[in-house]
């Protein structure tokens, strides 16, 4: 399959009173049509900024965004409007992302009106709105309701229906289930997977919940302070991690078995400031395996095995510390 989206050396910087904040710094990846790329990392690592920059809610500082073979890094207003039909976003907070003064029907129909879908025929648009509501599991009787009258799960279904209104091929899902109850999370995740299969959608799925990303993603990028530190297929990452940060991240996943606990890697040290960072590894202050080279030179993202890319000097010099996730690395407690 050909790549639907390719990101090359993408950067997004913000000017602050203290200096330049490197929110997204030289990020590269590609997503094939119909697949899901999971983006994981701690809060503040640049995940949401990456997603917003790709769909042009934020203008990139530099780099290239290639969509369906076309460079869309600096689109004109006309091109951007057309691009909205192809690329959409589902936001993290299903309440603040919806206009509280608009009804469910008007929220979903708004994009159709702006883009004059179905020849601007409002009656036809309304019929399509009811179809979308049915698709995402919203009862027709809720069409004239307001967001504050509904629970979080229904609000997020409105957000998904709104994103689908223009029949896009690509959707950025920015932590779409993090604000929902666990039981509702499962419903929304299953819905999104069903929609992906039915409509041949391509997703970027941003989350800090690794159990969620394991369930829905084909490939995963692990981000740390604006950088991708490890990238590979989901199966490979959960089997073995090569970057010390990825190892620590996955060691925090609880095992759903009574009396079993995974060996937890606790990170110590101060988080490096993303404002005007020094040319070194940004994880060096917290890395339990850091060497002198880590403080002197920034590691590049290199392919260490087929399909796996890692940015770590330990891999470069052949001193990687490996940690596997399966039961071989658990300890029995409460015996």
Protein backbone atom coordinates (compact mmCIF):
# COMPACT_ATOMS: atom_id res chain seq x y z
CA UNK A 1 0.00 0.00 0.00
CA UNK A 2 1.09 3.57 -0.71
CA UNK A 3 1.55 6.07 2.12
CA UNK A 4 -1.46 8.35 2.48
CA UNK A 5 0.42 10.71 4.80
CA UNK A 6 4.14 11.37 5.07
CA UNK A 7 5.74 13.81 7.50
CA UNK A 8 9.30 14.95 6.78
CA UNK A 9 11.44 16.88 9.27
CA UNK A 10 8.34 18.57 10.71
CA UNK A 11 8.96 21.29 13.29
CA UNK A 12 6.63 23.47 15.31
CA UNK A 13 8.22 26.10 17.55
CA UNK A 14 6.57 28.70 19.78
CA UNK A 15 8.14 31.97 20.86
CA UNK A 16 7.96 32.56 24.62
CA UNK A 17 9.39 35.29 26.87
CA UNK A 18 12.06 32.77 27.94
CA UNK A 19 13.04 31.69 24.42
CA UNK A 20 11.95 29.32 21.66
CA UNK A 21 9.88 26.32 22.75
CA UNK A 22 10.59 23.28 20.57
CA UNK A 23 7.17 21.58 20.78
CA UNK A 24 7.68 19.36 17.72
CA UNK A 25 11.26 19.02 16.58
CA UNK A 26 12.30 17.22 13.37
CA UNK A 27 9.62 14.52 13.29
CA UNK A 28 9.48 11.97 10.45
CA UNK A 29 7.00 9.16 9.77
CA UNK A 30 4.60 7.75 7.17
CA UNK A 31 1.14 6.17 7.44
CA UNK A 32 -0.29 3.81 4.88
CA UNK A 33 -3.89 4.15 3.78
CA UNK A 34 -6.33 2.39 6.10
CA UNK A 35 -3.88 2.02 8.99
CA UNK A 36 -3.63 3.56 12.45
CA UNK A 37 -0.48 5.19 13.83
CA UNK A 38 -0.44 5.48 17.60
CA UNK A 39 1.47 8.41 19.14
CA UNK A 40 2.31 7.97 22.82
CA UNK A 41 4.26 9.83 25.46
CA UNK A 42 3.93 11.87 28.64
CA UNK A 43 1.84 15.04 28.83
CA UNK A 44 3.76 17.91 27.25
CA UNK A 45 5.78 15.75 24.84
CA UNK A 46 4.21 17.40 21.77
CA UNK A 47 1.64 14.77 20.76
CA UNK A 48 -1.34 17.12 20.43
CA UNK A 49 0.75 19.84 18.81
CA UNK A 50 1.91 17.30 16.22
CA UNK A 51 -1.68 16.35 15.40
CA UNK A 52 -2.88 19.95 15.19
CA UNK A 53 0.04 20.90 12.96
CA UNK A 54 -0.63 18.06 10.52
CA UNK A 55 -4.25 19.16 10.00
CA UNK A 56 -3.19 22.84 9.89
CA UNK A 57 -4.89 24.03 13.03
CA UNK A 58 -1.35 25.23 13.71
CA UNK A 59 1.03 26.37 10.97
CA UNK A 60 4.26 24.34 10.83
CA UNK A 61 7.51 26.18 11.50
CA UNK A 62 9.30 24.10 8.87
CA UNK A 63 9.28 20.67 7.26
CA UNK A 64 6.96 18.92 4.85
CA UNK A 65 3.52 17.35 5.13
CA UNK A 66 2.78 15.12 2.13
CA UNK A 67 -0.84 14.01 1.78
CA UNK A 68 -1.80 11.59 -0.98
CA UNK A 69 1.39 12.51 -2.87
CA UNK A 70 0.82 16.27 -2.63
CA UNK A 71 2.83 18.71 -0.52
CA UNK A 72 0.33 20.48 1.75
CA UNK A 73 2.89 22.18 4.01
CA UNK A 74 1.79 25.73 3.07
CA UNK A 75 -1.70 25.55 1.55
CA UNK A 76 -3.58 28.59 0.27
CA UNK A 77 -6.98 29.42 1.80
CA UNK A 78 -8.72 27.70 -1.11
CA UNK A 79 -6.50 24.62 -0.81
CA UNK A 80 -7.00 24.53 2.96
CA UNK A 81 -10.78 24.59 2.60
CA UNK A 82 -10.59 21.66 0.18
CA UNK A 83 -8.20 19.90 2.54
CA UNK A 84 -10.80 20.04 5.33
CA UNK A 85 -12.86 17.55 3.33
CA UNK A 86 -9.96 15.11 3.43
CA UNK A 87 -8.54 15.66 6.93
CA UNK A 88 -10.48 16.06 10.17
CA UNK A 89 -9.86 15.90 13.91
CA UNK A 90 -11.61 14.45 16.96
CA UNK A 91 -10.67 16.38 20.08
CA UNK A 92 -9.85 15.25 23.60
CA UNK A 93 -12.53 17.12 25.54
CA UNK A 94 -15.95 16.30 24.09
CA UNK A 95 -17.52 19.23 25.95
CA UNK A 96 -15.23 22.19 25.26
CA UNK A 97 -14.83 21.17 21.60
CA UNK A 98 -18.60 21.56 20.96
CA UNK A 99 -20.44 24.88 20.69
CA UNK A 100 -22.80 24.96 23.71
CA UNK A 101 -25.26 27.20 21.85
CA UNK A 102 -25.76 24.77 18.97
CA UNK A 103 -27.92 21.65 18.91
CA UNK A 104 -26.60 18.23 17.98
CA UNK A 105 -28.10 18.49 14.50
CA UNK A 106 -26.68 21.96 13.81
CA UNK A 107 -23.20 20.97 15.05
CA UNK A 108 -23.01 18.04 12.63
CA UNK A 109 -24.66 19.92 9.77
CA UNK A 110 -22.50 23.06 10.04
CA UNK A 111 -19.62 21.72 7.93
CA UNK A 112 -22.06 20.52 5.27
CA UNK A 113 -23.48 24.04 5.02
CA UNK A 114 -20.04 25.68 4.84
CA UNK A 115 -18.90 23.37 2.04
CA UNK A 116 -22.33 23.39 0.34
CA UNK A 117 -22.54 19.61 0.30
CA UNK A 118 -25.43 18.04 -1.61
CA UNK A 119 -25.84 21.22 -3.60
CA UNK A 120 -26.63 23.21 -0.48
CA UNK A 121 -29.95 21.35 -0.12
CA UNK A 122 -30.64 21.70 3.64
CA UNK A 123 -33.28 18.98 3.65
CA UNK A 124 -30.83 16.51 2.11
CA UNK A 125 -28.15 17.63 4.56
CA UNK A 126 -30.53 17.00 7.43
CA UNK A 127 -31.19 13.48 6.16
CA UNK A 128 -27.44 12.85 6.06
CA UNK A 129 -27.12 14.20 9.62
CA UNK A 130 -29.66 11.63 10.83
CA UNK A 131 -27.76 8.90 8.99
CA UNK A 132 -24.52 9.96 10.70
CA UNK A 133 -26.24 10.05 14.09
CA UNK A 134 -27.42 6.50 13.52
CA UNK A 135 -23.94 5.46 12.37
CA UNK A 136 -22.26 6.71 15.58
CA UNK A 137 -25.03 5.46 17.89
CA UNK A 138 -26.96 8.66 18.61
CA UNK A 139 -30.74 8.42 18.79
CA UNK A 140 -32.65 10.67 16.38
CA UNK A 141 -34.59 12.12 19.33
CA UNK A 142 -31.38 13.83 20.48
CA UNK A 143 -31.11 15.97 17.33
CA UNK A 144 -32.46 19.10 19.05
CA UNK A 145 -30.56 18.55 22.31
CA UNK A 146 -27.63 20.70 23.45
CA UNK A 147 -24.22 19.33 24.49
CA UNK A 148 -24.71 20.14 28.20
CA UNK A 149 -27.79 17.91 28.25
CA UNK A 150 -25.80 14.83 27.25
CA UNK A 151 -23.17 12.64 28.90
CA UNK A 152 -19.52 12.46 27.85
CA UNK A 153 -19.93 9.39 25.66
CA UNK A 154 -22.73 10.96 23.63
CA UNK A 155 -20.79 14.21 23.30
CA UNK A 156 -17.82 12.35 21.88
CA UNK A 157 -20.11 10.58 19.43
CA UNK A 158 -21.21 14.04 18.26
CA UNK A 159 -17.54 14.96 17.76
CA UNK A 160 -16.98 11.80 15.71
CA UNK A 161 -20.11 12.42 13.61
CA UNK A 162 -18.96 16.00 12.98
CA UNK A 163 -15.56 14.73 11.83
CA UNK A 164 -17.27 12.27 9.46
CA UNK A 165 -19.68 14.85 8.00
CA UNK A 166 -17.37 15.76 5.09
CA UNK A 167 -16.44 12.11 4.41
CA UNK A 168 -12.70 12.53 5.12
CA UNK A 169 -10.06 9.87 4.49
CA UNK A 170 -7.79 10.85 7.38
CA UNK A 171 -8.65 11.70 11.01
CA UNK A 172 -6.42 12.80 13.89
CA UNK A 173 -7.85 11.40 17.12
CA UNK A 174 -6.44 13.48 19.98
CA UNK A 175 -6.95 11.38 23.13
CA UNK A 176 -10.62 10.85 22.19
CA UNK A 177 -11.40 8.54 25.12
CA UNK A 178 -9.24 9.93 27.94
CA UNK A 179 -12.09 12.02 29.41
CA UNK A 180 -14.56 9.11 29.38
CA UNK A 181 -15.44 6.33 31.80
CA UNK A 182 -13.73 3.00 31.14
CA UNK A 183 -16.93 1.29 29.98
CA UNK A 184 -17.68 4.15 27.58
CA UNK A 185 -14.07 4.13 26.33
CA UNK A 186 -14.50 0.58 25.05
CA UNK A 187 -17.68 1.55 23.19
CA UNK A 188 -16.03 4.52 21.49
CA UNK A 189 -12.92 2.52 20.55
CA UNK A 190 -15.03 -0.25 19.02
CA UNK A 191 -17.06 2.37 17.14
CA UNK A 192 -13.91 3.97 15.72
CA UNK A 193 -12.55 0.61 14.59
CA UNK A 194 -15.86 -0.28 12.94
CA UNK A 195 -15.92 3.10 11.15
CA UNK A 196 -12.33 2.62 10.00
CA UNK A 197 -13.15 -0.73 8.44
CA UNK A 198 -16.44 0.48 6.93
CA UNK A 199 -15.14 3.77 5.49
CA UNK A 200 -11.46 2.86 4.91
CA UNK A 201 -10.27 5.60 7.27
CA UNK A 202 -6.68 6.33 8.24
CA UNK A 203 -6.04 7.44 11.83
CA UNK A 204 -3.39 9.08 13.94
CA UNK A 205 -4.39 8.03 17.44
CA UNK A 206 -2.82 10.20 20.14
CA UNK A 207 -2.95 8.89 23.69
CA UNK A 208 -1.05 8.42 26.92
CA UNK A 209 -2.88 5.15 27.63
CA UNK A 210 -0.73 2.33 26.30
CA UNK A 211 -3.41 -0.32 26.76
CA UNK A 212 -5.63 1.71 24.42
CA UNK A 213 -2.96 2.21 21.77
CA UNK A 214 -2.12 -1.50 21.83
CA UNK A 215 -5.74 -2.28 21.05
CA UNK A 216 -6.22 0.08 18.11
CA UNK A 217 -2.83 0.83 16.47
CA UNK A 218 -0.87 -0.89 13.71
CA UNK A 219 2.32 1.10 14.39
CA UNK A 220 3.47 3.28 17.27
CA UNK A 221 5.68 6.36 17.66
CA UNK A 222 7.00 7.05 21.16
CA UNK A 223 7.57 10.80 21.68
CA UNK A 224 9.69 12.55 24.27
CA UNK A 225 9.97 16.37 24.42
CA UNK A 226 9.11 16.93 20.78
CA UNK A 227 11.19 14.04 19.41
CA UNK A 228 10.32 10.54 18.26
CA UNK A 229 12.60 8.23 20.25
CA UNK A 230 11.28 4.87 19.04
CA UNK A 231 9.05 3.85 16.15
CA UNK A 232 7.94 0.38 15.05
CA UNK A 233 4.95 -1.92 14.72
CA UNK A 234 2.71 -2.29 17.77
CA UNK A 235 3.55 -5.98 18.16
CA UNK A 236 7.29 -5.30 18.11
CA UNK A 237 7.10 -2.49 20.68
CA UNK A 238 5.09 -4.51 23.16
CA UNK A 239 7.40 -7.49 22.73
CA UNK A 240 10.62 -5.54 23.23
CA UNK A 241 11.66 -1.89 23.63
CA UNK A 242 15.09 -0.55 22.75
CA UNK A 243 14.94 3.08 23.96
CA UNK A 244 15.21 3.49 27.78
CA UNK A 245 12.22 5.87 27.81
CA UNK A 246 10.03 3.40 25.91
CA UNK A 247 11.12 0.71 28.37
CA UNK A 248 10.09 2.86 31.33
CA UNK A 249 6.81 3.80 29.69
CA UNK A 250 5.73 0.24 29.05
CA UNK A 251 6.90 -0.99 32.45
CA UNK A 252 4.10 1.11 33.98
CA UNK A 253 1.33 -0.92 32.31
CA UNK A 254 -0.50 -2.96 34.98
CA UNK A 255 -0.97 -6.68 34.40
CA UNK A 256 -4.61 -7.78 34.80
CA UNK A 257 -3.70 -10.87 36.85
CA UNK A 258 -4.12 -11.23 40.59
CA UNK A 259 -0.81 -11.40 42.44
CA UNK A 260 1.39 -10.45 39.46
CA UNK A 261 3.27 -7.22 38.99
CA UNK A 262 5.63 -6.13 36.22
CA UNK A 263 9.09 -4.86 37.11
CA UNK A 264 8.59 -1.10 37.22
CA UNK A 265 11.27 1.31 35.98
CA UNK A 266 11.07 4.52 38.00
CA UNK A 267 12.61 7.54 36.30
CA UNK A 268 14.47 10.08 38.40
CA UNK A 269 15.98 13.46 37.62
CA UNK A 270 14.70 16.72 36.18
CA UNK A 271 12.90 16.89 32.83
CA UNK A 272 14.98 18.80 30.28
CA UNK A 273 13.48 22.14 29.31
CA UNK A 274 12.04 22.20 25.75
CA UNK A 275 12.94 25.91 25.54
CA UNK A 276 16.13 26.34 23.50
CA UNK A 277 17.33 22.79 24.33
CA UNK A 278 21.03 21.99 24.12
CA UNK A 279 22.25 19.71 21.29
CA UNK A 280 22.21 16.53 23.36
CA UNK A 281 19.83 13.68 24.16
CA UNK A 282 16.75 15.22 25.78
CA UNK A 283 16.30 12.16 27.97
CA UNK A 284 19.83 12.26 29.36
CA UNK A 285 18.92 13.73 32.78
CA UNK A 286 16.47 10.91 33.50
CA UNK A 287 18.12 8.01 31.69
CA UNK A 288 19.51 5.29 34.01
CA UNK A 289 21.92 4.15 31.24
CA UNK A 290 23.28 7.54 30.07
CA UNK A 291 26.89 7.78 28.92
CA UNK A 292 29.06 10.86 28.29
CA UNK A 293 28.15 10.93 24.57
CA UNK A 294 24.49 11.47 25.51
CA UNK A 295 25.36 14.89 26.97
CA UNK A 296 27.48 15.91 24.00
CA UNK A 297 25.55 14.90 20.90
CA UNK A 298 21.90 14.56 19.94
CA UNK A 299 21.09 10.98 18.82
CA UNK A 300 19.52 10.51 15.40
CA UNK A 301 16.57 8.25 14.66
CA UNK A 302 18.20 5.23 13.00
CA UNK A 303 16.81 1.93 11.75
CA UNK A 304 18.31 -0.65 14.12
CA UNK A 305 16.38 -3.56 12.63
CA UNK A 306 13.84 -3.90 9.85
CA UNK A 307 10.90 -1.62 10.56
CA UNK A 308 12.23 -0.36 13.92
CA UNK A 309 13.74 3.10 14.37
CA UNK A 310 15.42 4.21 17.60
CA UNK A 311 17.12 7.46 18.66
CA UNK A 312 19.63 6.27 21.26
CA UNK A 313 23.44 6.35 21.44
CA UNK A 314 23.39 3.01 23.29
CA UNK A 315 22.05 1.35 20.15
CA UNK A 316 24.69 3.10 18.07
CA UNK A 317 27.57 1.72 20.10
CA UNK A 318 26.00 -1.67 20.75
CA UNK A 319 25.37 -1.25 24.48
CA UNK A 320 21.58 -1.30 24.43
CA UNK A 321 19.79 -2.48 27.54
CA UNK A 322 16.86 -4.63 26.49
CA UNK A 323 13.69 -5.21 28.50
CA UNK A 324 10.91 -7.53 27.38
CA UNK A 325 7.34 -7.14 28.50
CA UNK A 326 6.03 -10.74 28.65
CA UNK A 327 5.67 -12.87 31.78
CA UNK A 328 9.40 -13.61 31.96
CA UNK A 329 9.87 -10.16 33.47
CA UNK A 330 7.23 -10.21 36.18
CA UNK A 331 7.55 -10.93 39.87
CA UNK A 332 5.01 -12.80 41.97
CA UNK A 333 3.72 -10.93 45.01
CA UNK A 334 1.38 -11.75 47.90
CA UNK A 335 2.52 -15.38 48.05
